[in-house]
Amino acid sequence: MTRPRSVYLVDYSCYRPPPHLKVRFQQFMEHSRLTGDFDESSLEFQRKILERSGLGEETYVPEAMHYLPPQPSMAAARDEAEQVMFGALDKLFLNTSIKPKDIGILIVNCSLFNPTPSLSAMIVNKYKLRGNIRSYNLGGMGCSAGVIAVDLAKDLLQIHSSTYAVVVSTENITQNWYFGNKKSMLIPNCLFRVGGAAILLSNKPVDRKRAKYKLVHVVRTHRGADDKAFRCVYQEQDDDGKIGVSLSKDLMAIAGGTLKTNITTLGPLVLPISEQLLFFVTLLVKKLFNSTMKPYIPDFKLAFDHFCIHAGGRAVIDELEKNLHLLPIHVEASRMTLHRFGNTSSSSIWYELAYTEAKGRMRKGNRVWQIAFGSGFKCNSAVWQALRNVKPSCGSPWEDCIDKYPVKIVT
């Protein structure tokens, strides 16, 4: 049996939209009112969600949403996808000096916008990638699809030697804004914002010297066999035929249960023996003698130096901070990413990693836990180890504002 190839994260880049796409709360509410699509109850609901969301006043919505009335056309959605993907990739190629034709594997994940030709084909066309490129387009897999894409890249890099893989993680807002009055479908309007990331992975031993991180583990959990979990994030039409994504009231409970399943697998891979013993002894006692006994939550602060929790919303970060017994410093990157960029879906964990680097906190040997949740319902974890004291790359999304953070989040 051959030894697994090491997978290195050479570099990554996060897209920073232009300033004219910023949306302040007052502007958001005024536009929502002027569209004429929302009744007073829905407008008030959106106002309350915004105030409690943890988002700041400098997040971005796509060009089409700045018009009155909004113009969510196919052409506008393609424009958004191109701006985000090409913006991140241009920066990545510039920072790494990699030629597009050197890329052997391309994986794009975007849940809600999947045109023909695909997003991956758009990238192949734009950068004139080679004819034998192994390209994949992951759709409908939610906010945790970025880790799924990394896992797929890892598996492909085990097969194909001396290869570069590029992962592009994004979401498309333009055609997925909800213009109805069903409360559970209005929440994504208030949370999701424009963003995306491009990641360069390599299995070439020579790249270890310049790489930022080495991939240590990927653990994936899928609860799709359970009907409640399957439907808790669900794209559908409301009674008036308007399409949106509905978020169930059970979402946080399902996320918590899925996380517990995920860490049951991850724990033995990363935790000290003492924590593993405590975890499995209490699990055994609970199973054999006392089913009402609370399971022991291991101290993951003993295994990881940094946490990149998907910035899905304030409630998601609050729940993980509580359940994993984390300190405010451990969730700072997630809270500040949510405040500055909003929920950028699968790319949020990369904005968080960029925050940690921009703060000068990433030291050689540090371990990072990226945790992402998504429809299906899924919880996916990626563990990285820093190969050096990592400094932010040129064009970091935090480049001109890191000194302002952290900010106090209004409760």
Protein backbone atom coordinates (compact mmCIF):
# COMPACT_ATOMS: atom_id res chain seq x y z
CA MET A 1 0.00 0.00 0.00
CA THR A 2 1.48 3.36 -1.03
CA ARG A 3 1.91 6.15 1.49
CA PRO A 4 -0.74 8.90 1.15
CA ARG A 5 0.49 12.02 -0.60
CA SER A 6 0.66 15.15 1.51
CA VAL A 7 -1.69 17.92 0.39
CA TYR A 8 -0.41 21.47 0.78
CA LEU A 9 -2.36 24.71 0.77
CA VAL A 10 -0.01 26.92 -1.22
CA ASP A 11 -2.18 30.04 -0.88
CA TYR A 12 -5.77 31.27 -1.17
CA SER A 13 -7.54 34.52 -1.92
CA CYS A 14 -10.89 35.98 -0.87
CA TYR A 15 -12.88 38.27 -3.13
CA ARG A 16 -13.39 41.83 -1.91
CA PRO A 17 -16.33 43.47 -3.76
CA PRO A 18 -16.08 47.12 -4.87
CA PRO A 19 -17.28 49.79 -2.40
CA HIS A 20 -20.35 50.77 -4.45
CA LEU A 21 -21.93 47.36 -3.66
CA LYS A 22 -22.01 48.03 0.09
CA VAL A 23 -25.44 48.10 1.67
CA ARG A 24 -26.28 49.86 4.92
CA PHE A 25 -29.26 48.73 7.02
CA GLN A 26 -31.26 51.84 6.20
CA GLN A 27 -30.62 51.38 2.47
CA PHE A 28 -31.55 47.69 2.70
CA MET A 29 -34.86 48.48 4.39
CA GLU A 30 -35.68 51.37 2.05
CA HIS A 31 -35.05 49.23 -1.04
CA SER A 32 -37.13 46.41 0.43
CA ARG A 33 -40.02 48.81 1.04
CA LEU A 34 -39.82 50.43 -2.41
CA THR A 35 -39.93 47.11 -4.30
CA GLY A 36 -43.57 46.80 -3.20
CA ASP A 37 -43.17 43.03 -2.71
CA PHE A 38 -43.15 42.98 1.09
CA ASP A 39 -46.04 43.74 3.46
CA GLU A 40 -45.51 45.73 6.68
CA SER A 41 -45.20 42.61 8.80
CA SER A 42 -42.44 41.23 6.56
CA LEU A 43 -40.59 44.55 6.54
CA GLU A 44 -40.67 44.73 10.33
CA PHE A 45 -39.51 41.10 10.55
CA GLN A 46 -36.53 41.83 8.27
CA ARG A 47 -35.65 44.93 10.30
CA LYS A 48 -35.55 42.89 13.53
CA ILE A 49 -33.48 40.12 11.92
CA LEU A 50 -30.96 42.67 10.62
CA GLU A 51 -30.62 44.34 14.02
CA ARG A 52 -29.92 41.01 15.74
CA SER A 53 -27.95 39.41 12.89
CA GLY A 54 -24.41 40.39 13.86
CA LEU A 55 -23.89 41.94 10.41
CA GLY A 56 -22.34 45.37 10.13
CA GLU A 57 -23.03 48.28 7.80
CA GLU A 58 -20.40 47.40 5.17
CA THR A 59 -21.53 44.06 3.73
CA TYR A 60 -22.15 43.71 -0.01
CA VAL A 61 -25.14 42.78 -2.18
CA PRO A 62 -24.90 42.24 -5.96
CA GLU A 63 -25.35 44.99 -8.52
CA ALA A 64 -28.80 43.72 -9.54
CA MET A 65 -30.15 44.29 -6.02
CA HIS A 66 -29.10 47.96 -6.03
CA TYR A 67 -31.55 48.79 -8.82
CA LEU A 68 -35.14 49.80 -8.26
CA PRO A 69 -36.85 47.62 -9.11
CA PRO A 70 -34.21 44.88 -8.66
CA GLN A 71 -33.04 43.17 -11.87
CA PRO A 72 -32.32 39.51 -10.99
CA SER A 73 -31.75 38.32 -14.57
CA MET A 74 -29.68 35.37 -15.76
CA ALA A 75 -27.19 37.82 -17.30
CA ALA A 76 -26.87 39.66 -13.97
CA ALA A 77 -26.33 36.38 -12.12
CA ARG A 78 -23.58 35.43 -14.59
CA ASP A 79 -21.99 38.86 -14.07
CA GLU A 80 -21.96 38.34 -10.30
CA ALA A 81 -20.43 34.87 -10.67
CA GLU A 82 -17.73 36.17 -13.02
CA GLN A 83 -16.83 39.14 -10.83
CA VAL A 84 -16.48 36.96 -7.72
CA MET A 85 -14.75 33.92 -9.23
CA PHE A 86 -12.43 35.80 -11.60
CA GLY A 87 -11.66 38.43 -8.95
CA ALA A 88 -10.51 35.74 -6.49
CA LEU A 89 -8.64 33.74 -9.14
CA ASP A 90 -6.81 36.75 -10.63
CA LYS A 91 -5.45 37.55 -7.19
CA LEU A 92 -4.53 33.91 -6.52
CA PHE A 93 -2.61 33.54 -9.78
CA LEU A 94 -0.85 36.87 -9.18
CA ASN A 95 0.21 35.99 -5.63
CA THR A 96 1.42 32.47 -6.43
CA SER A 97 2.89 33.09 -9.91
CA ILE A 98 1.10 29.94 -11.05
CA LYS A 99 0.15 29.83 -14.72
CA PRO A 100 -3.47 28.78 -15.35
CA LYS A 101 -2.29 26.02 -17.69
CA ASP A 102 -0.40 24.44 -14.78
CA ILE A 103 -3.72 23.60 -13.08
CA GLY A 104 -4.64 19.92 -13.39
CA ILE A 105 -7.79 19.83 -11.23
CA LEU A 106 -10.57 22.43 -10.91
CA ILE A 107 -13.48 22.16 -8.46
CA VAL A 108 -16.18 24.83 -8.15
CA ASN A 109 -18.92 24.78 -5.55
CA CYS A 110 -21.96 27.05 -5.71
CA SER A 111 -25.22 25.83 -4.27
CA LEU A 112 -28.00 27.85 -5.91
CA PHE A 113 -26.72 29.03 -9.31
CA ASN A 114 -25.85 26.30 -11.77
CA PRO A 115 -26.11 27.56 -15.36
CA THR A 116 -25.19 25.79 -18.58
CA PRO A 117 -22.30 25.86 -19.42
CA SER A 118 -21.27 25.35 -15.81
CA LEU A 119 -19.37 27.74 -13.57
CA SER A 120 -16.30 25.52 -13.88
CA ALA A 121 -16.60 25.75 -17.68
CA MET A 122 -16.73 29.55 -17.38
CA ILE A 123 -13.37 29.43 -15.58
CA VAL A 124 -11.87 27.04 -18.14
CA ASN A 125 -12.98 29.42 -20.91
CA LYS A 126 -11.77 32.59 -19.17
CA TYR A 127 -8.28 31.31 -18.32
CA LYS A 128 -7.91 28.93 -21.29
CA LEU A 129 -7.16 25.99 -19.02
CA ARG A 130 -5.70 22.89 -20.62
CA GLY A 131 -7.84 20.41 -22.52
CA ASN A 132 -7.30 17.50 -20.10
CA ILE A 133 -8.31 19.51 -17.01
CA ARG A 134 -10.27 17.44 -14.51
CA SER A 135 -13.10 19.84 -13.72
CA TYR A 136 -16.03 19.39 -11.34
CA ASN A 137 -19.03 21.57 -10.47
CA LEU A 138 -20.72 20.94 -7.10
CA GLY A 139 -24.25 22.33 -6.83
CA GLY A 140 -26.99 22.30 -4.20
CA MET A 141 -24.65 21.25 -1.37
CA GLY A 142 -25.06 24.32 0.83
CA CYS A 143 -22.68 26.30 2.99
CA SER A 144 -20.51 23.29 3.90
CA ALA A 145 -19.64 22.52 0.26
CA GLY A 146 -16.26 24.28 0.48
CA VAL A 147 -14.94 21.54 2.78
CA ILE A 148 -16.51 18.91 0.49
CA ALA A 149 -14.64 20.48 -2.45
CA VAL A 150 -11.36 20.36 -0.49
CA ASP A 151 -12.03 16.70 0.35
CA LEU A 152 -12.66 15.88 -3.32
CA ALA A 153 -9.46 17.71 -4.28
CA LYS A 154 -7.55 15.76 -1.62
CA ASP A 155 -8.80 12.43 -3.02
CA LEU A 156 -7.95 13.42 -6.60
CA LEU A 157 -4.49 14.55 -5.53
CA GLN A 158 -3.89 11.05 -4.15
CA ILE A 159 -4.43 9.65 -7.65
CA HIS A 160 -2.75 12.26 -9.84
CA SER A 161 0.88 12.94 -8.99
CA SER A 162 2.71 16.28 -9.19
CA THR A 163 -0.52 18.23 -9.67
CA TYR A 164 -2.08 21.54 -8.73
CA ALA A 165 -5.76 21.68 -7.76
CA VAL A 166 -7.82 24.85 -7.55
CA VAL A 167 -11.00 25.02 -5.46
CA VAL A 168 -13.39 27.93 -5.97
CA SER A 169 -16.08 28.35 -3.29
CA THR A 170 -18.88 30.87 -3.72
CA GLU A 171 -22.62 31.50 -3.64
CA ASN A 172 -24.74 33.56 -6.03
CA ILE A 173 -27.23 36.03 -4.59
CA THR A 174 -28.70 37.67 -7.72
CA GLN A 175 -31.36 35.12 -8.67
CA ASN A 176 -31.89 33.82 -5.16
CA TRP A 177 -33.34 36.86 -3.43
CA TYR A 178 -36.78 36.07 -2.02
CA PHE A 179 -39.56 38.53 -2.89
CA GLY A 180 -42.38 37.01 -0.82
CA ASN A 181 -43.77 37.28 2.70
CA LYS A 182 -43.12 33.88 4.28
CA LYS A 183 -41.07 34.60 7.40
CA SER A 184 -38.91 31.45 7.30
CA MET A 185 -37.86 32.33 3.73
CA LEU A 186 -37.01 35.98 4.47
CA ILE A 187 -34.07 35.23 6.79
CA PRO A 188 -31.55 34.45 3.98
CA ASN A 189 -32.20 37.92 2.47
CA CYS A 190 -30.96 39.45 5.71
CA LEU A 191 -27.88 37.25 6.15
CA PHE A 192 -26.41 36.21 2.79
CA ARG A 193 -23.97 38.54 1.07
CA VAL A 194 -21.55 38.56 -1.90
CA GLY A 195 -18.26 36.70 -1.43
CA GLY A 196 -16.06 33.91 -2.68
CA ALA A 197 -12.64 32.33 -2.30
CA ALA A 198 -10.10 30.54 -4.51
CA ILE A 199 -7.73 27.99 -2.97
CA LEU A 200 -4.57 26.52 -4.53
CA LEU A 201 -3.68 23.00 -3.36
CA SER A 202 -0.64 20.96 -4.37
CA ASN A 203 0.76 17.48 -3.82
CA LYS A 204 4.23 18.45 -5.07
CA PRO A 205 6.86 17.93 -2.31
CA VAL A 206 8.73 21.00 -3.59
CA ASP A 207 5.73 23.20 -2.67
CA ARG A 208 6.05 22.41 1.04
CA LYS A 209 8.68 25.15 1.35
CA ARG A 210 6.35 27.92 0.17
CA ALA A 211 2.97 26.51 1.28
CA LYS A 212 1.07 28.07 4.16
CA TYR A 213 -0.61 24.93 5.50
CA LYS A 214 -0.74 21.16 5.26
CA LEU A 215 -4.09 19.36 5.23
CA VAL A 216 -4.28 17.02 8.21
CA HIS A 217 -7.87 15.69 8.34
CA VAL A 218 -11.28 16.05 6.69
CA VAL A 219 -14.32 14.64 8.48
CA ARG A 220 -17.76 14.73 6.85
CA THR A 221 -21.15 14.06 8.45
CA HIS A 222 -24.41 13.75 6.48
CA ARG A 223 -27.81 13.56 8.20
CA GLY A 224 -29.83 13.43 4.97
CA ALA A 225 -31.41 10.08 5.91
CA ASP A 226 -33.40 11.90 8.60
CA ASP A 227 -36.46 13.69 7.17
CA LYS A 228 -36.31 16.64 9.59
CA ALA A 229 -32.63 17.20 8.90
CA PHE A 230 -33.17 16.85 5.15
CA ARG A 231 -35.88 19.55 5.11
CA CYS A 232 -34.45 22.03 7.63
CA VAL A 233 -32.82 24.12 4.85
CA TYR A 234 -35.11 23.69 1.85
CA GLN A 235 -35.53 25.54 -1.41
CA GLU A 236 -39.19 25.74 -2.39
CA GLN A 237 -42.04 27.89 -3.65
CA ASP A 238 -44.31 29.72 -1.21
CA ASP A 239 -48.11 29.80 -1.58
CA ASP A 240 -47.77 32.59 -4.15
CA GLY A 241 -45.29 30.63 -6.26
CA LYS A 242 -42.27 32.70 -5.21
CA ILE A 243 -39.04 30.73 -4.80
CA GLY A 244 -36.82 30.99 -1.76
CA VAL A 245 -34.89 28.96 0.81
CA SER A 246 -36.86 28.11 3.93
CA LEU A 247 -35.07 27.74 7.28
CA SER A 248 -36.75 25.42 9.79
CA LYS A 249 -37.26 26.25 13.48
CA ASP A 250 -35.42 22.98 14.19
CA LEU A 251 -32.28 24.18 12.39
CA MET A 252 -30.14 24.93 15.44
CA ALA A 253 -31.08 21.69 17.22
CA ILE A 254 -30.29 19.70 14.06
CA ALA A 255 -26.99 21.56 13.61
CA GLY A 256 -26.06 20.76 17.22
CA GLY A 257 -26.82 17.06 16.77
CA THR A 258 -24.90 16.89 13.49
CA LEU A 259 -21.91 18.62 15.13
CA LYS A 260 -21.89 16.01 17.93
CA THR A 261 -21.79 13.20 15.36
CA ASN A 262 -18.97 14.95 13.52
CA ILE A 263 -16.83 15.49 16.61
CA THR A 264 -17.35 11.87 17.68
CA THR A 265 -15.35 10.94 14.55
CA LEU A 266 -12.96 13.89 14.68
CA GLY A 267 -12.13 13.63 18.40
CA PRO A 268 -10.01 10.46 18.28
CA LEU A 269 -7.99 11.92 15.41
CA VAL A 270 -7.00 15.15 17.15
CA LEU A 271 -7.55 15.02 20.92
CA PRO A 272 -5.04 14.04 23.63
CA ILE A 273 -5.55 10.53 25.05
CA SER A 274 -6.87 11.92 28.36
CA GLU A 275 -9.72 13.73 26.60
CA GLN A 276 -10.49 10.72 24.42
CA LEU A 277 -10.82 8.48 27.50
CA LEU A 278 -13.17 10.89 29.26
CA PHE A 279 -15.29 11.19 26.13
CA PHE A 280 -15.64 7.46 25.48
CA VAL A 281 -16.17 6.49 29.15
CA THR A 282 -19.07 8.94 29.48
CA LEU A 283 -20.42 7.76 26.12
CA LEU A 284 -20.33 4.15 27.36
CA VAL A 285 -21.97 5.00 30.69
CA LYS A 286 -24.70 6.94 28.89
CA LYS A 287 -25.35 4.02 26.52
CA LEU A 288 -25.36 1.25 29.14
CA PHE A 289 -26.70 2.82 32.32
CA ASN A 290 -28.12 6.32 31.98
CA SER A 291 -29.57 7.45 28.66
CA THR A 292 -30.49 10.86 30.14
CA MET A 293 -26.91 11.61 31.12
CA LYS A 294 -25.40 14.53 29.21
CA PRO A 295 -22.52 13.50 26.92
CA TYR A 296 -19.07 14.82 27.77
CA ILE A 297 -17.95 17.50 25.33
CA PRO A 298 -14.18 17.21 24.91
CA ASP A 299 -12.01 20.29 25.29
CA PHE A 300 -11.09 20.97 21.67
CA LYS A 301 -8.98 23.92 22.81
CA LEU A 302 -6.38 21.26 23.65
CA ALA A 303 -6.34 20.14 20.01
CA PHE A 304 -6.65 23.41 18.07
CA ASP A 305 -5.13 26.87 18.24
CA HIS A 306 -7.64 28.55 15.93
CA PHE A 307 -11.30 28.00 15.06
CA CYS A 308 -12.97 29.01 11.78
CA ILE A 309 -16.67 28.45 12.42
CA HIS A 310 -18.90 29.06 9.40
CA ALA A 311 -20.34 32.57 9.76
CA GLY A 312 -23.88 31.37 9.06
CA GLY A 313 -25.39 33.81 11.51
CA ARG A 314 -25.03 35.01 15.05
CA ALA A 315 -27.06 32.09 16.45
CA VAL A 316 -24.74 29.53 14.79
CA ILE A 317 -21.63 31.11 16.31
CA ASP A 318 -23.31 31.51 19.72
CA GLU A 319 -24.35 27.84 19.71
CA LEU A 320 -20.87 26.53 18.91
CA GLU A 321 -19.20 28.87 21.39
CA LYS A 322 -21.50 27.48 24.09
CA ASN A 323 -21.45 23.80 23.07
CA LEU A 324 -17.67 23.61 22.58
CA HIS A 325 -16.94 25.75 25.68
CA LEU A 326 -14.92 28.22 23.62
CA LEU A 327 -13.65 31.64 24.72
CA PRO A 328 -14.52 34.90 22.91
CA ILE A 329 -11.04 34.95 21.29
CA HIS A 330 -11.78 31.58 19.64
CA VAL A 331 -14.91 32.86 17.88
CA GLU A 332 -13.57 36.35 17.15
CA ALA A 333 -12.64 35.55 13.54
CA SER A 334 -16.14 34.18 12.87
CA ARG A 335 -17.96 37.09 14.51
CA MET A 336 -15.83 39.73 12.77
CA THR A 337 -16.24 38.01 9.38
CA LEU A 338 -20.00 37.98 9.86
CA HIS A 339 -19.89 41.65 10.83
CA ARG A 340 -17.69 42.79 7.93
CA PHE A 341 -18.77 40.49 5.09
CA GLY A 342 -22.00 38.81 6.20
CA ASN A 343 -22.75 35.17 5.49
CA THR A 344 -20.75 34.46 2.32
CA SER A 345 -21.77 30.79 2.48
CA SER A 346 -19.03 28.21 1.85
CA SER A 347 -16.31 30.87 1.52
CA SER A 348 -16.80 32.36 5.01
CA ILE A 349 -14.26 29.98 6.60
CA TRP A 350 -11.56 31.44 4.30
CA TYR A 351 -12.35 35.05 5.27
CA GLU A 352 -12.00 33.88 8.88
CA LEU A 353 -8.63 32.27 8.22
CA ALA A 354 -7.54 35.49 6.50
CA TYR A 355 -8.63 37.43 9.62
CA THR A 356 -6.45 35.26 11.87
CA GLU A 357 -3.46 35.77 9.56
CA ALA A 358 -4.06 39.53 9.34
CA LYS A 359 -4.02 39.70 13.15
CA GLY A 360 -0.57 38.05 13.13
CA ARG A 361 -1.74 35.10 15.23
CA MET A 362 -0.83 32.17 12.96
CA ARG A 363 2.41 30.58 14.16
CA LYS A 364 4.33 27.61 12.79
CA GLY A 365 2.80 24.34 13.99
CA ASN A 366 -0.58 25.91 14.89
CA ARG A 367 -3.62 23.79 14.09
CA VAL A 368 -6.76 25.26 12.57
CA TRP A 369 -10.25 23.74 12.67
CA GLN A 370 -12.61 24.83 9.90
CA ILE A 371 -16.22 23.86 10.73
CA ALA A 372 -18.99 24.30 8.18
CA PHE A 373 -22.72 23.50 8.20
CA GLY A 374 -24.98 23.19 5.18
CA SER A 375 -28.23 21.94 3.72
CA GLY A 376 -28.74 18.21 3.52
CA PHE A 377 -28.07 18.44 6.52
CA LYS A 378 -24.28 18.34 6.77
CA CYS A 379 -21.47 19.23 9.15
CA ASN A 380 -17.97 19.07 7.68
CA SER A 381 -14.60 19.67 9.32
CA ALA A 382 -11.17 20.37 7.85
CA VAL A 383 -8.02 20.45 9.96
CA TRP A 384 -4.91 22.32 8.76
CA GLN A 385 -1.44 22.74 10.25
CA ALA A 386 0.58 25.90 9.67
CA LEU A 387 3.95 25.16 8.06
CA ARG A 388 5.41 28.54 9.04
CA ASN A 389 4.51 31.80 10.74
CA VAL A 390 1.84 32.80 8.24
CA LYS A 391 1.53 36.38 7.12
CA PRO A 392 -1.45 37.67 5.10
CA SER A 393 -1.04 37.52 1.33
CA CYS A 394 -1.14 40.63 -0.81
CA GLY A 395 -4.71 41.78 -1.36
CA SER A 396 -6.10 40.25 1.84
CA PRO A 397 -9.79 41.16 2.32
CA TRP A 398 -8.81 42.68 5.69
CA GLU A 399 -5.90 44.69 4.30
CA ASP A 400 -7.25 48.19 4.94
CA CYS A 401 -9.53 47.52 7.93
CA ILE A 402 -7.94 44.93 10.25
CA ASP A 403 -6.85 47.62 12.72
CA LYS A 404 -10.52 48.51 13.31
CA TYR A 405 -11.25 44.98 14.54
CA PRO A 406 -12.46 43.46 16.74
CA VAL A 407 -15.51 45.67 17.13
CA LYS A 408 -18.14 45.35 19.81
CA ILE A 409 -21.25 43.60 18.49
CA VAL A 410 -24.48 45.23 19.62
CA THR A 411 -26.71 42.69 21.39
